[in-house]
Amino acid sequence: MIELTEQQAQALEHPDAIPPRVMNPRTKEMFVLLRIDEYERLTEEEYDDSQWTSEERHALAWEAGKHAGWEEMDEYDDIPEKP
């Protein structure tokens, strides 16, 4: 178990604040301090952190394009012929 600094402990006392970040001085990796209930909620059985399938990536790209207004750009649907 790691003991918090006074500054980290004070930051955790404000539930509406952004979770405190800590850095490993050897690797410079950043970490976020979360309450155990928040961590457990994020890692429940329903949580899926597996690689996305190509269908999921395609659907996400299509949704992003739709929100950007690209659905009205039908002229870009056709692949131009090579000269």
Protein backbone atom coordinates (compact mmCIF):
# COMPACT_ATOMS: atom_id res chain seq x y z
CA MET A 1 0.00 0.00 0.00
CA ILE A 2 1.22 3.50 -0.84
CA GLU A 3 0.62 6.36 1.56
CA LEU A 4 -0.65 9.62 0.07
CA THR A 5 1.06 12.95 0.44
CA GLU A 6 -0.83 15.66 2.31
CA GLN A 7 -1.53 17.44 -0.98
CA GLN A 8 -3.00 14.25 -2.51
CA ALA A 9 -5.11 13.59 0.59
CA GLN A 10 -6.53 17.12 0.42
CA ALA A 11 -7.31 16.72 -3.29
CA LEU A 12 -9.29 13.55 -2.56
CA GLU A 13 -11.48 15.40 -0.04
CA HIS A 14 -13.21 17.29 -2.87
CA PRO A 15 -15.48 14.75 -4.61
CA ASP A 16 -16.34 17.12 -7.49
CA ALA A 17 -12.71 17.75 -8.37
CA ILE A 18 -10.80 15.98 -11.11
CA PRO A 19 -9.14 12.86 -9.65
CA PRO A 20 -5.58 13.57 -8.54
CA ARG A 21 -2.81 12.42 -10.84
CA VAL A 22 0.46 10.91 -9.74
CA MET A 23 3.63 10.26 -11.70
CA ASN A 24 6.09 7.41 -11.38
CA PRO A 25 9.40 9.32 -11.16
CA ARG A 26 11.34 6.47 -12.79
CA THR A 27 9.15 5.90 -15.85
CA LYS A 28 7.30 9.24 -16.00
CA GLU A 29 4.05 7.26 -16.37
CA MET A 30 0.95 9.08 -15.13
CA PHE A 31 -1.75 7.50 -12.97
CA VAL A 32 -5.11 8.65 -11.63
CA LEU A 33 -6.22 8.09 -8.04
CA LEU A 34 -9.77 6.76 -7.85
CA ARG A 35 -11.92 5.70 -4.94
CA ILE A 36 -12.32 1.93 -4.86
CA ASP A 37 -16.07 2.14 -5.62
CA GLU A 38 -15.36 4.17 -8.76
CA TYR A 39 -12.69 1.70 -9.87
CA GLU A 40 -15.02 -1.27 -9.28
CA ARG A 41 -17.81 0.44 -11.24
CA LEU A 42 -15.45 0.95 -14.17
CA THR A 43 -14.24 -2.64 -14.15
CA GLU A 44 -17.56 -4.45 -13.72
CA GLU A 45 -18.23 -7.60 -15.74
CA GLU A 46 -20.17 -5.57 -18.31
CA TYR A 47 -17.11 -3.44 -19.12
CA ASP A 48 -15.45 -4.59 -22.34
CA ASP A 49 -11.94 -3.34 -23.01
CA SER A 50 -11.19 -5.79 -25.81
CA GLN A 51 -9.97 -4.68 -29.23
CA TRP A 52 -12.65 -3.16 -31.46
CA THR A 53 -13.80 -5.18 -34.43
CA SER A 54 -13.58 -3.68 -37.90
CA GLU A 55 -17.39 -3.38 -37.89
CA GLU A 56 -17.28 -1.37 -34.65
CA ARG A 57 -14.55 0.92 -36.02
CA HIS A 58 -16.54 1.43 -39.24
CA ALA A 59 -19.71 2.26 -37.28
CA LEU A 60 -17.83 4.73 -35.10
CA ALA A 61 -16.28 6.43 -38.13
CA TRP A 62 -19.69 6.61 -39.82
CA GLU A 63 -21.25 8.17 -36.69
CA ALA A 64 -18.43 10.70 -36.41
CA GLY A 65 -18.88 11.66 -40.06
CA LYS A 66 -22.63 11.99 -39.62
CA HIS A 67 -22.18 14.34 -36.68
CA ALA A 68 -19.69 16.37 -38.70
CA GLY A 69 -22.29 16.88 -41.45
CA TRP A 70 -20.68 14.56 -43.98
CA GLU A 71 -23.91 12.76 -44.87
CA GLU A 72 -24.63 15.60 -47.27
CA MET A 73 -21.37 15.07 -49.14
CA ASP A 74 -22.56 12.27 -51.45
CA GLU A 75 -20.12 13.28 -54.18
CA TYR A 76 -17.35 11.74 -52.07
CA ASP A 77 -19.04 8.33 -51.97
CA ASP A 78 -17.85 7.41 -55.46
CA ILE A 79 -14.27 6.29 -55.88
CA PRO A 80 -12.69 8.27 -58.73
CA GLU A 81 -11.55 6.26 -61.71
CA LYS A 82 -7.85 6.08 -62.43
CA PRO A 83 -6.75 8.12 -65.45
